[in-house]
Amino acid sequence: MSFNGQRYLTRGVQSEIPFELQMFMWHLIDELPEPRDYLQIFRLTAVDSNQQLIHEQEEPEYHKEYFLNICSPVTAKVYVIDDGTHSTMLLAEEY
């Protein structure tokens, strides 16, 4: 998948995920080598005052872990789904 079309956020992402994390996740998708799975998975965990972010996809298998120092770490699972014309970032419970 290309992830090059219009990009959208759900209300849940807008209200619960800090802007800098949203931008970082889009950046990680942009930097991901081809081929990319249509479903990108981000597991966010607040660890003390740091943010743990695990980025995964199923096909081809991909897994990478990051630790970030941000003001407001969160715990959430975020999906980014690409349908070929647009991409949507949503919380797992909004799926």
C-alpha atoms as a PDB file:
ATOM      1  CA  MET A   1       0.000   0.000   0.000  1.00  0.00           C
ATOM      2  CA  SER A   2       1.133   3.502  -0.723  1.00  0.00           C
ATOM      3  CA  PHE A   3      -0.165   5.603   2.198  1.00  0.00           C
ATOM      4  CA  ASN A   4       0.204   8.567  -0.205  1.00  0.00           C
ATOM      5  CA  GLY A   5      -3.445   9.682  -0.400  1.00  0.00           C
ATOM      6  CA  GLN A   6      -5.404  11.958   1.901  1.00  0.00           C
ATOM      7  CA  ARG A   7      -4.809  11.346   5.596  1.00  0.00           C
ATOM      8  CA  TYR A   8      -7.516  11.366   8.230  1.00  0.00           C
ATOM      9  CA  LEU A   9      -7.754  11.072  12.016  1.00  0.00           C
ATOM     10  CA  THR A  10     -10.698   9.900  14.035  1.00  0.00           C
ATOM     11  CA  ARG A  11     -12.042  11.961  16.931  1.00  0.00           C
ATOM     12  CA  GLY A  12     -10.547   9.446  19.352  1.00  0.00           C
ATOM     13  CA  VAL A  13      -7.040   9.950  17.981  1.00  0.00           C
ATOM     14  CA  GLN A  14      -7.481  13.733  17.938  1.00  0.00           C
ATOM     15  CA  SER A  15      -8.562  13.791  21.577  1.00  0.00           C
ATOM     16  CA  GLU A  16      -6.320  11.094  23.097  1.00  0.00           C
ATOM     17  CA  ILE A  17      -3.053  10.998  21.121  1.00  0.00           C
ATOM     18  CA  PRO A  18      -0.692  13.983  21.418  1.00  0.00           C
ATOM     19  CA  PHE A  19      -0.027  15.766  18.127  1.00  0.00           C
ATOM     20  CA  GLU A  20       3.707  15.005  18.217  1.00  0.00           C
ATOM     21  CA  LEU A  21       2.955  11.268  18.471  1.00  0.00           C
ATOM     22  CA  GLN A  22       0.491  11.467  15.580  1.00  0.00           C
ATOM     23  CA  MET A  23       3.149  13.124  13.424  1.00  0.00           C
ATOM     24  CA  PHE A  24       5.803  10.617  14.522  1.00  0.00           C
ATOM     25  CA  MET A  25       3.584   7.659  13.555  1.00  0.00           C
ATOM     26  CA  TRP A  26       2.885   9.160  10.090  1.00  0.00           C
ATOM     27  CA  HIS A  27       6.650   9.696   9.717  1.00  0.00           C
ATOM     28  CA  LEU A  28       7.379   6.066  10.623  1.00  0.00           C
ATOM     29  CA  ILE A  29       4.927   4.895   7.958  1.00  0.00           C
ATOM     30  CA  ASP A  30       6.504   7.236   5.383  1.00  0.00           C
ATOM     31  CA  GLU A  31       9.973   5.842   6.152  1.00  0.00           C
ATOM     32  CA  LEU A  32       8.887   2.196   6.118  1.00  0.00           C
ATOM     33  CA  PRO A  33      10.403   0.325   3.155  1.00  0.00           C
ATOM     34  CA  GLU A  34       8.110  -1.166   0.531  1.00  0.00           C
ATOM     35  CA  PRO A  35       6.113  -3.342   0.516  1.00  0.00           C
ATOM     36  CA  ARG A  36       3.875  -1.989   3.277  1.00  0.00           C
ATOM     37  CA  ASP A  37       0.893  -3.780   4.724  1.00  0.00           C
ATOM     38  CA  TYR A  38      -2.410  -1.891   4.432  1.00  0.00           C
ATOM     39  CA  LEU A  39      -2.688  -2.133   8.254  1.00  0.00           C
ATOM     40  CA  GLN A  40      -0.046  -0.490  10.435  1.00  0.00           C
ATOM     41  CA  ILE A  41      -0.249  -1.186  14.169  1.00  0.00           C
ATOM     42  CA  PHE A  42       1.127   1.061  16.901  1.00  0.00           C
ATOM     43  CA  ARG A  43       1.143  -0.023  20.552  1.00  0.00           C
ATOM     44  CA  LEU A  44       1.693   2.965  22.827  1.00  0.00           C
ATOM     45  CA  THR A  45       2.606   2.489  26.482  1.00  0.00           C
ATOM     46  CA  ALA A  46       3.380   5.112  29.107  1.00  0.00           C
ATOM     47  CA  VAL A  47       6.531   3.972  30.934  1.00  0.00           C
ATOM     48  CA  ASP A  48       7.290   6.327  33.838  1.00  0.00           C
ATOM     49  CA  SER A  49       7.564   9.698  32.075  1.00  0.00           C
ATOM     50  CA  ASN A  50       8.567   8.168  28.746  1.00  0.00           C
ATOM     51  CA  GLN A  51       6.613   6.884  25.777  1.00  0.00           C
ATOM     52  CA  GLN A  52       7.187   3.373  24.495  1.00  0.00           C
ATOM     53  CA  LEU A  53       5.994   2.929  20.919  1.00  0.00           C
ATOM     54  CA  ILE A  54       5.962  -0.421  19.126  1.00  0.00           C
ATOM     55  CA  HIS A  55       5.336  -0.293  15.367  1.00  0.00           C
ATOM     56  CA  GLU A  56       4.209  -3.513  13.675  1.00  0.00           C
ATOM     57  CA  GLN A  57       2.763  -4.887  10.476  1.00  0.00           C
ATOM     58  CA  GLU A  58       1.848  -8.465   9.535  1.00  0.00           C
ATOM     59  CA  GLU A  59       2.798  -8.800   5.826  1.00  0.00           C
ATOM     60  CA  PRO A  60       5.697  -8.594   5.410  1.00  0.00           C
ATOM     61  CA  GLU A  61       6.408  -9.029   9.068  1.00  0.00           C
ATOM     62  CA  TYR A  62       7.815  -5.897  10.700  1.00  0.00           C
ATOM     63  CA  HIS A  63       8.444  -4.960  14.344  1.00  0.00           C
ATOM     64  CA  LYS A  64      10.362  -2.013  15.739  1.00  0.00           C
ATOM     65  CA  GLU A  65      10.387  -0.450  19.204  1.00  0.00           C
ATOM     66  CA  TYR A  66      11.016   3.185  20.167  1.00  0.00           C
ATOM     67  CA  PHE A  67      11.349   5.052  23.458  1.00  0.00           C
ATOM     68  CA  LEU A  68      10.511   8.757  23.374  1.00  0.00           C
ATOM     69  CA  ASN A  69      10.676  11.505  25.947  1.00  0.00           C
ATOM     70  CA  ILE A  70       7.409  13.428  25.604  1.00  0.00           C
ATOM     71  CA  CYS A  71       5.346  15.588  27.963  1.00  0.00           C
ATOM     72  CA  SER A  72       2.192  13.468  27.955  1.00  0.00           C
ATOM     73  CA  PRO A  73       2.832   9.748  27.379  1.00  0.00           C
ATOM     74  CA  VAL A  74      -0.277   7.662  26.689  1.00  0.00           C
ATOM     75  CA  THR A  75      -1.306   4.029  26.641  1.00  0.00           C
ATOM     76  CA  ALA A  76      -3.316   3.101  23.554  1.00  0.00           C
ATOM     77  CA  LYS A  77      -3.404   0.873  20.490  1.00  0.00           C
ATOM     78  CA  VAL A  78      -3.582   2.762  17.197  1.00  0.00           C
ATOM     79  CA  TYR A  79      -4.295   1.421  13.716  1.00  0.00           C
ATOM     80  CA  VAL A  80      -3.514   3.177  10.465  1.00  0.00           C
ATOM     81  CA  ILE A  81      -5.455   1.694   7.557  1.00  0.00           C
ATOM     82  CA  ASP A  82      -4.804   2.518   3.898  1.00  0.00           C
ATOM     83  CA  ASP A  83      -7.453   1.725   1.270  1.00  0.00           C
ATOM     84  CA  GLY A  84      -5.488   2.979  -1.739  1.00  0.00           C
ATOM     85  CA  THR A  85      -7.115   6.422  -1.901  1.00  0.00           C
ATOM     86  CA  HIS A  86      -6.822   7.577   1.709  1.00  0.00           C
ATOM     87  CA  SER A  87      -5.372   6.570   5.080  1.00  0.00           C
ATOM     88  CA  THR A  88      -7.131   6.715   8.434  1.00  0.00           C
ATOM     89  CA  MET A  89      -5.523   6.742  11.869  1.00  0.00           C
ATOM     90  CA  LEU A  90      -7.873   5.379  14.534  1.00  0.00           C
ATOM     91  CA  LEU A  91      -7.874   3.945  18.015  1.00  0.00           C
ATOM     92  CA  ALA A  92      -8.281   0.172  18.120  1.00  0.00           C
ATOM     93  CA  GLU A  93     -11.586   0.501  19.968  1.00  0.00           C
ATOM     94  CA  GLU A  94     -12.924   2.663  17.118  1.00  0.00           C
ATOM     95  CA  TYR A  95     -12.366  -0.121  14.564  1.00  0.00           C
END
